Structure formats: structure tokens, C-alpha cells
Amino acid sequence: MADIEPRPIKDAQRTRQAILEAAQDAFSVRGYRDTGVRDITARAGVSMALVNRYFGSKEKLFEEALSDMLDATRIIDIPRDRFGEVILELLLKGVGPRYIPLPMIMMASGDSGARAITERLLRQQVHEPLARWFGPQEGSVRATRFMIVSAGLTVYCRLYPLDTLVPEPDPAIRAWLVREFQALAD
């Protein structure tokens, strides 16, 4: 089967989105340090000059790509009375590979600039909104607990799959996770 050349994208918004999604994929697989602008633009099917045009630099592209993935509203829009079950399903099934930011977050740790961006965005876009949603009493502690448990779950489902989690969690583990997540919202 012959390789098919990517069709040029002409619409500015679609071009920008294609670059953003290609960056999310590349940064999630190869990390910030090992991903070049050439890798991203080849994946997006666009000219390298467009990264600078739309984002200014590789670092700014990384920041926007990660920011786009860190959307706490998907979490805080979950009804509190069903939080445990719904968030577990979201974390297990996701809504597509671009919506699970943990691989990109972990792969950023090898570069000090990308790590600083990641720390700032995690605080601003995940921890602080979750802390407010969980409430004034222990909100920050609950947000931290949520981040710890969800990160561990994501690591052992997606990066280093354990047979007790993949393809489906063991019923006892599932019940424990639902209880842990629900306790945060109650």
C-alpha cells in the first residue's frame, strides 16, 4: 500500500487545530525534548513556518497543547451524587487519546522549561478549580487526593497496564476506586 500524502489544510483555524493535535500526540509519545517542530508539522501535514506563525515557538505550542487538554470542567460538571462512578468511567475509557493528559505531563519532566509550564498549568487549570469545587473545607486536600489517585490509575491503565486493571478493572478494585472518588465529592 502506497503512502498517502497529507492533503494541505487551507483553513487557518483547522490548520492551527491540526498543529495543536499533532503536538499533543507527539508530546504524549516522545516527550517535549525528543519532539521536534518538524515531527509535529509532518504529522499535521503543514509547513514548519506555521508553528511560529500560530504559536510563536515550540515552548508556546507545548503550553497551548497541554492547556487545551487540562479542562477541569469535564470533572466539575459531573453530578456530585454520581461522581465516583462517572469519573472512574471517564478515566478508564476516556473520550479519546487527546483527552488523557498524563502521558504528556509525564513526558515533559525531562525538560526544565516544559516541567515549569506543566506545574503552573496543573495548579491553575486542575488543582485550583477542583479545590474550589470540592469546597472550602479540605478542598485543596481533596483536589490533591483526586490528582494522586487519578494519576496512579492512568499510569497503570495506559502507560504500564496491569492485568488487574486492563482490559477491565477487577471488581474489588473498581468498587474501591468508586468509593475513593465518591468520598471526595461527598
C-alpha atoms as a PDB file:
ATOM      1  CA  MET A   1       0.000   0.000   0.000  1.00  0.00           C
ATOM      2  CA  ALA A   2       1.446   3.355  -1.033  1.00  0.00           C
ATOM      3  CA  ASP A   3       1.867   6.161   1.462  1.00  0.00           C
ATOM      4  CA  ILE A   4      -0.758   8.818   1.002  1.00  0.00           C
ATOM      5  CA  GLU A   5       0.477  12.389   1.066  1.00  0.00           C
ATOM      6  CA  PRO A   6      -1.346  14.514   3.646  1.00  0.00           C
ATOM      7  CA  ARG A   7      -3.781  16.890   1.999  1.00  0.00           C
ATOM      8  CA  PRO A   8      -2.861  20.512   2.636  1.00  0.00           C
ATOM      9  CA  ILE A   9      -5.080  22.248   5.146  1.00  0.00           C
ATOM     10  CA  LYS A  10      -6.137  25.695   3.995  1.00  0.00           C
ATOM     11  CA  ASP A  11      -8.475  26.976   6.655  1.00  0.00           C
ATOM     12  CA  ALA A  12      -6.482  28.862   9.335  1.00  0.00           C
ATOM     13  CA  GLN A  13      -8.484  27.525  12.289  1.00  0.00           C
ATOM     14  CA  ARG A  14      -8.299  23.948  11.030  1.00  0.00           C
ATOM     15  CA  THR A  15      -4.577  24.336  10.370  1.00  0.00           C
ATOM     16  CA  ARG A  16      -3.991  25.634  13.878  1.00  0.00           C
ATOM     17  CA  GLN A  17      -6.082  22.804  15.358  1.00  0.00           C
ATOM     18  CA  ALA A  18      -4.222  20.193  13.285  1.00  0.00           C
ATOM     19  CA  ILE A  19      -0.898  21.509  14.601  1.00  0.00           C
ATOM     20  CA  LEU A  20      -2.230  21.512  18.171  1.00  0.00           C
ATOM     21  CA  GLU A  21      -3.492  17.916  17.930  1.00  0.00           C
ATOM     22  CA  ALA A  22      -0.306  16.707  16.232  1.00  0.00           C
ATOM     23  CA  ALA A  23       1.699  18.344  19.034  1.00  0.00           C
ATOM     24  CA  GLN A  24      -0.463  16.691  21.703  1.00  0.00           C
ATOM     25  CA  ASP A  25       0.078  13.306  20.093  1.00  0.00           C
ATOM     26  CA  ALA A  26       3.825  13.804  19.603  1.00  0.00           C
ATOM     27  CA  PHE A  27       4.495  15.276  23.057  1.00  0.00           C
ATOM     28  CA  SER A  28       2.486  12.429  24.633  1.00  0.00           C
ATOM     29  CA  VAL A  29       4.511   9.747  22.856  1.00  0.00           C
ATOM     30  CA  ARG A  30       8.040  11.163  22.537  1.00  0.00           C
ATOM     31  CA  GLY A  31       8.111  13.888  25.165  1.00  0.00           C
ATOM     32  CA  TYR A  32       8.976  17.551  24.843  1.00  0.00           C
ATOM     33  CA  ARG A  33      12.728  17.130  24.468  1.00  0.00           C
ATOM     34  CA  ASP A  34      12.568  14.398  21.840  1.00  0.00           C
ATOM     35  CA  THR A  35       9.872  16.019  19.725  1.00  0.00           C
ATOM     36  CA  GLY A  36      10.914  18.465  17.067  1.00  0.00           C
ATOM     37  CA  VAL A  37       8.795  21.018  15.268  1.00  0.00           C
ATOM     38  CA  ARG A  38       9.490  19.037  12.089  1.00  0.00           C
ATOM     39  CA  ASP A  39       7.877  15.934  13.685  1.00  0.00           C
ATOM     40  CA  ILE A  40       4.779  17.913  14.592  1.00  0.00           C
ATOM     41  CA  THR A  41       4.353  19.653  11.246  1.00  0.00           C
ATOM     42  CA  ALA A  42       4.910  16.414   9.322  1.00  0.00           C
ATOM     43  CA  ARG A  43       2.184  14.773  11.398  1.00  0.00           C
ATOM     44  CA  ALA A  44      -0.121  17.760  10.826  1.00  0.00           C
ATOM     45  CA  GLY A  45       0.715  17.981   7.120  1.00  0.00           C
ATOM     46  CA  VAL A  46       1.715  21.647   7.268  1.00  0.00           C
ATOM     47  CA  SER A  47       4.775  23.843   6.805  1.00  0.00           C
ATOM     48  CA  MET A  48       7.191  24.288   9.724  1.00  0.00           C
ATOM     49  CA  ALA A  49       6.799  28.069   9.457  1.00  0.00           C
ATOM     50  CA  LEU A  50       3.186  27.762  10.592  1.00  0.00           C
ATOM     51  CA  VAL A  51       4.218  26.739  14.122  1.00  0.00           C
ATOM     52  CA  ASN A  52       5.901  30.104  14.599  1.00  0.00           C
ATOM     53  CA  ARG A  53       3.035  31.889  12.892  1.00  0.00           C
ATOM     54  CA  TYR A  54       0.322  30.397  15.098  1.00  0.00           C
ATOM     55  CA  PHE A  55       2.197  29.705  18.329  1.00  0.00           C
ATOM     56  CA  GLY A  56       5.459  31.652  18.314  1.00  0.00           C
ATOM     57  CA  SER A  57       7.714  28.815  19.481  1.00  0.00           C
ATOM     58  CA  LYS A  58       7.824  25.129  20.334  1.00  0.00           C
ATOM     59  CA  GLU A  59       7.544  26.022  24.032  1.00  0.00           C
ATOM     60  CA  LYS A  60       4.414  28.124  23.447  1.00  0.00           C
ATOM     61  CA  LEU A  61       2.962  25.316  21.322  1.00  0.00           C
ATOM     62  CA  PHE A  62       3.605  22.888  24.187  1.00  0.00           C
ATOM     63  CA  GLU A  63       1.917  25.253  26.639  1.00  0.00           C
ATOM     64  CA  GLU A  64      -1.166  25.651  24.486  1.00  0.00           C
ATOM     65  CA  ALA A  65      -1.323  21.936  23.645  1.00  0.00           C
ATOM     66  CA  LEU A  66      -1.241  20.981  27.320  1.00  0.00           C
ATOM     67  CA  SER A  67      -3.592  23.778  28.345  1.00  0.00           C
ATOM     68  CA  ASP A  68      -6.105  22.505  25.786  1.00  0.00           C
ATOM     69  CA  MET A  69      -6.008  19.067  27.420  1.00  0.00           C
ATOM     70  CA  LEU A  70      -6.327  20.267  31.029  1.00  0.00           C
ATOM     71  CA  ASP A  71     -10.021  21.015  31.203  1.00  0.00           C
ATOM     72  CA  ALA A  72     -11.321  20.707  34.770  1.00  0.00           C
ATOM     73  CA  THR A  73     -14.879  21.489  33.641  1.00  0.00           C
ATOM     74  CA  ARG A  74     -15.199  17.891  32.406  1.00  0.00           C
ATOM     75  CA  ILE A  75     -14.659  16.904  36.035  1.00  0.00           C
ATOM     76  CA  ILE A  76     -16.592  19.580  37.900  1.00  0.00           C
ATOM     77  CA  ASP A  77     -19.611  19.200  35.610  1.00  0.00           C
ATOM     78  CA  ILE A  78     -20.138  15.649  36.892  1.00  0.00           C
ATOM     79  CA  PRO A  79     -23.120  15.396  39.259  1.00  0.00           C
ATOM     80  CA  ARG A  80     -21.796  15.077  42.809  1.00  0.00           C
ATOM     81  CA  ASP A  81     -24.088  12.167  43.682  1.00  0.00           C
ATOM     82  CA  ARG A  82     -22.633  10.084  40.816  1.00  0.00           C
ATOM     83  CA  PHE A  83     -19.094  11.448  40.888  1.00  0.00           C
ATOM     84  CA  GLY A  84     -17.303   8.210  41.811  1.00  0.00           C
ATOM     85  CA  GLU A  85     -18.786   6.058  39.065  1.00  0.00           C
ATOM     86  CA  VAL A  86     -18.750   8.721  36.343  1.00  0.00           C
ATOM     87  CA  ILE A  87     -15.182   9.901  36.947  1.00  0.00           C
ATOM     88  CA  LEU A  88     -13.947   6.315  37.053  1.00  0.00           C
ATOM     89  CA  GLU A  89     -15.547   5.606  33.671  1.00  0.00           C
ATOM     90  CA  LEU A  90     -14.103   8.813  32.251  1.00  0.00           C
ATOM     91  CA  LEU A  91     -10.621   7.891  33.457  1.00  0.00           C
ATOM     92  CA  LEU A  92     -10.905   4.286  32.273  1.00  0.00           C
ATOM     93  CA  LYS A  93     -12.499   4.874  28.897  1.00  0.00           C
ATOM     94  CA  GLY A  94     -11.621   8.485  28.265  1.00  0.00           C
ATOM     95  CA  VAL A  95     -13.084  10.392  25.397  1.00  0.00           C
ATOM     96  CA  GLY A  96     -10.191   9.776  23.029  1.00  0.00           C
ATOM     97  CA  PRO A  97      -6.406   9.759  23.362  1.00  0.00           C
ATOM     98  CA  ARG A  98      -6.100  13.544  23.261  1.00  0.00           C
ATOM     99  CA  TYR A  99      -8.135  13.929  26.411  1.00  0.00           C
ATOM    100  CA  ILE A 100      -5.841  11.983  28.696  1.00  0.00           C
ATOM    101  CA  PRO A 101      -3.072  14.479  29.511  1.00  0.00           C
ATOM    102  CA  LEU A 102      -0.997  12.330  31.885  1.00  0.00           C
ATOM    103  CA  PRO A 103       1.360  10.851  29.259  1.00  0.00           C
ATOM    104  CA  MET A 104       2.140  14.360  28.013  1.00  0.00           C
ATOM    105  CA  ILE A 105       2.614  15.571  31.593  1.00  0.00           C
ATOM    106  CA  MET A 106       4.966  12.733  32.478  1.00  0.00           C
ATOM    107  CA  MET A 107       6.965  13.033  29.272  1.00  0.00           C
ATOM    108  CA  ALA A 108       7.528  16.750  29.985  1.00  0.00           C
ATOM    109  CA  SER A 109       9.519  16.074  33.132  1.00  0.00           C
ATOM    110  CA  GLY A 110      12.816  15.756  31.256  1.00  0.00           C
ATOM    111  CA  ASP A 111      12.892  19.418  30.229  1.00  0.00           C
ATOM    112  CA  SER A 112      13.006  22.170  32.860  1.00  0.00           C
ATOM    113  CA  GLY A 113      11.005  24.659  30.773  1.00  0.00           C
ATOM    114  CA  ALA A 114       8.282  22.154  29.886  1.00  0.00           C
ATOM    115  CA  ARG A 115       8.199  20.958  33.506  1.00  0.00           C
ATOM    116  CA  ALA A 116       7.698  24.534  34.774  1.00  0.00           C
ATOM    117  CA  ILE A 117       4.859  25.077  32.291  1.00  0.00           C
ATOM    118  CA  THR A 118       3.284  21.787  33.345  1.00  0.00           C
ATOM    119  CA  GLU A 119       3.473  22.601  37.063  1.00  0.00           C
ATOM    120  CA  ARG A 120       1.898  26.020  36.528  1.00  0.00           C
ATOM    121  CA  LEU A 121      -0.917  24.720  34.317  1.00  0.00           C
ATOM    122  CA  LEU A 122      -1.689  21.817  36.653  1.00  0.00           C
ATOM    123  CA  ARG A 123      -2.079  24.241  39.546  1.00  0.00           C
ATOM    124  CA  GLN A 124      -4.095  26.849  37.631  1.00  0.00           C
ATOM    125  CA  GLN A 125      -6.278  24.634  35.468  1.00  0.00           C
ATOM    126  CA  VAL A 126      -6.747  21.493  37.534  1.00  0.00           C
ATOM    127  CA  HIS A 127      -5.855  21.785  41.218  1.00  0.00           C
ATOM    128  CA  GLU A 128      -7.307  25.248  41.930  1.00  0.00           C
ATOM    129  CA  PRO A 129     -10.661  24.693  40.123  1.00  0.00           C
ATOM    130  CA  LEU A 130     -11.035  21.279  41.765  1.00  0.00           C
ATOM    131  CA  ALA A 131     -10.201  22.711  45.195  1.00  0.00           C
ATOM    132  CA  ARG A 132     -12.933  25.339  44.753  1.00  0.00           C
ATOM    133  CA  TRP A 133     -15.422  22.703  43.568  1.00  0.00           C
ATOM    134  CA  PHE A 134     -14.646  20.335  46.439  1.00  0.00           C
ATOM    135  CA  GLY A 135     -15.333  23.198  48.838  1.00  0.00           C
ATOM    136  CA  PRO A 136     -13.663  25.496  51.348  1.00  0.00           C
ATOM    137  CA  GLN A 137     -13.141  22.786  53.953  1.00  0.00           C
ATOM    138  CA  GLU A 138     -10.409  20.453  52.739  1.00  0.00           C
ATOM    139  CA  GLY A 139     -10.921  21.465  49.087  1.00  0.00           C
ATOM    140  CA  SER A 140      -7.215  21.651  48.403  1.00  0.00           C
ATOM    141  CA  VAL A 141      -6.563  18.353  50.186  1.00  0.00           C
ATOM    142  CA  ARG A 142      -9.372  16.651  48.253  1.00  0.00           C
ATOM    143  CA  ALA A 143      -8.089  18.058  44.959  1.00  0.00           C
ATOM    144  CA  THR A 144      -4.646  16.685  45.777  1.00  0.00           C
ATOM    145  CA  ARG A 145      -6.100  13.286  46.659  1.00  0.00           C
ATOM    146  CA  PHE A 146      -8.040  13.279  43.390  1.00  0.00           C
ATOM    147  CA  MET A 147      -4.908  14.077  41.398  1.00  0.00           C
ATOM    148  CA  ILE A 148      -2.882  11.364  43.155  1.00  0.00           C
ATOM    149  CA  VAL A 149      -5.459   8.599  42.662  1.00  0.00           C
ATOM    150  CA  SER A 150      -6.366   9.572  39.088  1.00  0.00           C
ATOM    151  CA  ALA A 151      -2.704   9.855  38.083  1.00  0.00           C
ATOM    152  CA  GLY A 152      -1.906   6.443  39.537  1.00  0.00           C
ATOM    153  CA  LEU A 153      -4.908   4.905  37.822  1.00  0.00           C
ATOM    154  CA  THR A 154      -3.940   6.450  34.495  1.00  0.00           C
ATOM    155  CA  VAL A 155      -0.327   5.295  34.795  1.00  0.00           C
ATOM    156  CA  TYR A 156      -1.313   1.690  35.438  1.00  0.00           C
ATOM    157  CA  CYS A 157      -4.089   1.620  32.837  1.00  0.00           C
ATOM    158  CA  ARG A 158      -2.377   3.450  29.970  1.00  0.00           C
ATOM    159  CA  LEU A 159       1.382   3.607  30.417  1.00  0.00           C
ATOM    160  CA  TYR A 160       2.191   0.413  32.334  1.00  0.00           C
ATOM    161  CA  PRO A 161      -1.013  -1.674  32.131  1.00  0.00           C
ATOM    162  CA  LEU A 162      -1.665  -4.065  34.987  1.00  0.00           C
ATOM    163  CA  ASP A 163      -3.792  -7.134  34.316  1.00  0.00           C
ATOM    164  CA  THR A 164      -5.975  -6.298  37.323  1.00  0.00           C
ATOM    165  CA  LEU A 165      -6.949  -3.022  35.598  1.00  0.00           C
ATOM    166  CA  VAL A 166      -6.822  -3.721  31.858  1.00  0.00           C
ATOM    167  CA  PRO A 167      -8.942  -4.505  29.908  1.00  0.00           C
ATOM    168  CA  GLU A 168     -11.379  -4.149  32.822  1.00  0.00           C
ATOM    169  CA  PRO A 169     -10.633  -3.484  36.499  1.00  0.00           C
ATOM    170  CA  ASP A 170     -11.025  -6.306  38.962  1.00  0.00           C
ATOM    171  CA  PRO A 171     -14.458  -5.825  40.621  1.00  0.00           C
ATOM    172  CA  ALA A 172     -12.898  -5.240  44.058  1.00  0.00           C
ATOM    173  CA  ILE A 173     -10.535  -2.604  42.659  1.00  0.00           C
ATOM    174  CA  ARG A 174     -13.379  -0.961  40.741  1.00  0.00           C
ATOM    175  CA  ALA A 175     -15.520  -0.782  43.892  1.00  0.00           C
ATOM    176  CA  TRP A 176     -12.612   0.671  45.889  1.00  0.00           C
ATOM    177  CA  LEU A 177     -11.925   3.338  43.244  1.00  0.00           C
ATOM    178  CA  VAL A 178     -15.600   4.325  43.055  1.00  0.00           C
ATOM    179  CA  ARG A 179     -15.684   4.685  46.865  1.00  0.00           C
ATOM    180  CA  GLU A 180     -12.468   6.734  46.922  1.00  0.00           C
ATOM    181  CA  PHE A 181     -13.604   9.110  44.201  1.00  0.00           C
ATOM    182  CA  GLN A 182     -17.127   9.416  45.623  1.00  0.00           C
ATOM    183  CA  ALA A 183     -15.767  10.220  49.094  1.00  0.00           C
ATOM    184  CA  LEU A 184     -14.037  13.263  47.591  1.00  0.00           C
ATOM    185  CA  ALA A 185     -17.312  14.708  46.309  1.00  0.00           C
ATOM    186  CA  ASP A 186     -19.460  13.870  49.362  1.00  0.00           C
END
